[in-house]
Protein backbone atom coordinates (compact mmCIF):
# COMPACT_ATOMS: atom_id res chain seq x y z
CA UNK A 1 73.16 -58.15 -10.11
CA UNK A 2 71.11 -55.12 -11.07
CA UNK A 3 67.93 -54.38 -9.18
CA UNK A 4 64.66 -53.88 -10.98
CA UNK A 5 63.04 -50.47 -10.99
CA UNK A 6 59.98 -50.52 -8.74
CA UNK A 7 56.94 -48.39 -9.54
CA UNK A 8 53.89 -47.72 -7.45
CA UNK A 9 50.45 -48.92 -8.58
CA UNK A 10 49.22 -47.02 -11.68
CA UNK A 11 52.44 -44.99 -11.89
CA UNK A 12 54.49 -47.07 -14.33
CA UNK A 13 55.78 -45.13 -17.34
CA UNK A 14 54.61 -45.83 -20.87
CA UNK A 15 56.42 -48.61 -22.66
CA UNK A 16 55.92 -51.21 -19.92
CA UNK A 17 53.10 -53.75 -19.69
CA UNK A 18 52.14 -56.83 -17.71
CA UNK A 19 51.66 -60.22 -19.39
CA UNK A 20 47.91 -59.68 -19.49
CA UNK A 21 48.26 -56.25 -21.02
CA UNK A 22 50.63 -57.61 -23.64
CA UNK A 23 48.20 -60.42 -24.43
CA UNK A 24 45.32 -57.94 -24.81
CA UNK A 25 47.39 -56.25 -27.54
CA UNK A 26 48.21 -59.56 -29.25
CA UNK A 27 51.77 -59.66 -27.91
CA UNK A 28 53.89 -61.95 -25.70
CA UNK A 29 57.09 -61.27 -23.73
CA UNK A 30 59.08 -63.37 -26.22
CA UNK A 31 61.83 -64.53 -23.87
CA UNK A 32 62.79 -61.13 -22.52
CA UNK A 33 63.60 -60.75 -18.84
CA UNK A 34 61.39 -58.82 -16.44
CA UNK A 35 62.14 -55.12 -16.98
CA UNK A 36 60.43 -53.57 -13.94
CA UNK A 37 58.19 -54.32 -11.02
CA UNK A 38 54.88 -52.80 -10.03
CA UNK A 39 53.82 -52.77 -6.37
CA UNK A 40 50.41 -52.16 -4.91
CA UNK A 41 50.57 -51.56 -1.14
CA UNK A 42 48.20 -53.41 1.16
CA UNK A 43 47.37 -53.02 4.82
CA UNK A 44 48.79 -55.60 7.22
CA UNK A 45 50.36 -57.66 4.41
CA UNK A 46 53.11 -57.41 1.88
CA UNK A 47 52.47 -55.52 -1.35
CA UNK A 48 50.92 -57.11 -4.43
CA UNK A 49 53.60 -57.44 -7.09
CA UNK A 50 53.23 -57.45 -10.86
CA UNK A 51 56.11 -57.86 -13.29
CA UNK A 52 56.43 -55.51 -16.23
CA UNK A 53 57.90 -56.20 -19.66
CA UNK A 54 59.05 -53.79 -22.34
CA UNK A 55 56.46 -53.39 -25.08
CA UNK A 56 59.05 -52.56 -27.76
CA UNK A 57 60.76 -55.96 -27.24
CA UNK A 58 57.51 -57.95 -27.20
CA UNK A 59 56.77 -60.35 -30.03
CA UNK A 60 53.44 -61.18 -31.68
CA UNK A 61 51.47 -64.09 -30.27
CA UNK A 62 52.03 -67.31 -32.18
CA UNK A 63 48.97 -68.30 -34.23
CA UNK A 64 47.01 -71.44 -33.40
CA UNK A 65 47.88 -74.27 -35.77
CA UNK A 66 45.53 -77.17 -36.59
CA UNK A 67 47.65 -79.40 -34.36
CA UNK A 68 47.26 -77.00 -31.42
CA UNK A 69 43.50 -76.80 -31.97
CA UNK A 70 43.31 -80.61 -31.96
CA UNK A 71 45.39 -80.88 -28.77
CA UNK A 72 43.23 -78.26 -27.05
CA UNK A 73 40.02 -80.05 -28.06
CA UNK A 74 41.41 -83.36 -26.79
CA UNK A 75 42.42 -81.80 -23.45
CA UNK A 76 38.99 -80.20 -22.99
CA UNK A 77 37.27 -83.50 -23.80
CA UNK A 78 39.40 -85.23 -21.16
CA UNK A 79 38.38 -82.61 -18.58
CA UNK A 80 34.69 -83.27 -19.32
CA UNK A 81 34.86 -87.09 -19.29
CA UNK A 82 33.93 -88.74 -15.99
CA UNK A 83 36.51 -91.36 -14.93
CA UNK A 84 33.81 -93.43 -13.21
CA UNK A 85 31.06 -93.75 -15.83
CA UNK A 86 33.25 -92.70 -18.84
CA UNK A 87 30.53 -90.36 -20.18
CA UNK A 88 30.91 -86.77 -21.37
CA UNK A 89 29.36 -84.77 -18.53
CA UNK A 90 28.86 -81.68 -20.69
CA UNK A 91 30.84 -79.57 -18.20
CA UNK A 92 34.32 -79.62 -16.69
CA UNK A 93 34.45 -82.23 -13.93
CA UNK A 94 35.07 -80.51 -10.56
CA UNK A 95 38.44 -81.49 -9.12
CA UNK A 96 36.91 -81.48 -5.63
CA UNK A 97 34.63 -84.37 -6.65
CA UNK A 98 36.87 -86.16 -9.13
CA UNK A 99 33.80 -87.46 -10.98
CA UNK A 100 30.56 -86.13 -12.45
CA UNK A 101 27.82 -85.00 -10.06
CA UNK A 102 25.48 -87.98 -10.71
CA UNK A 103 28.31 -90.39 -9.88
CA UNK A 104 29.34 -88.41 -6.79
CA UNK A 105 25.79 -88.05 -5.49
CA UNK A 106 23.73 -90.97 -6.82
CA UNK A 107 19.98 -90.68 -6.53
CA UNK A 108 18.66 -92.74 -3.61
CA UNK A 109 16.43 -95.66 -4.46
CA UNK A 110 12.74 -94.94 -4.80
CA UNK A 111 12.28 -96.14 -1.22
CA UNK A 112 12.03 -92.54 0.01
CA UNK A 113 9.34 -91.65 -2.53
CA UNK A 114 7.07 -94.60 -1.74
CA UNK A 115 7.16 -93.96 2.03
């Protein structure tokens, strides 16, 4: 098993890129294995690690098809729909609450206002 070359932070040679850097250029790894590793040292903890891919082997990002757009819209609608009141909240439902804010924190009856 061959070991990966390890480069220090900001010292990787040209021709390597992280997934995010590839995506910024409209590319994707395309099934290739990790080509190198980037390490950023930290105090008192292990280093931060980023995997590098070869740019010359990267493939273009696949275009969005109408079916993908429809699936994405359906998934986003599901994330905005409250499971309690079944209404579109207009925002992504927080996973910490599990329901929209009005359902999680209902307004108290007007008994406090009349007192």
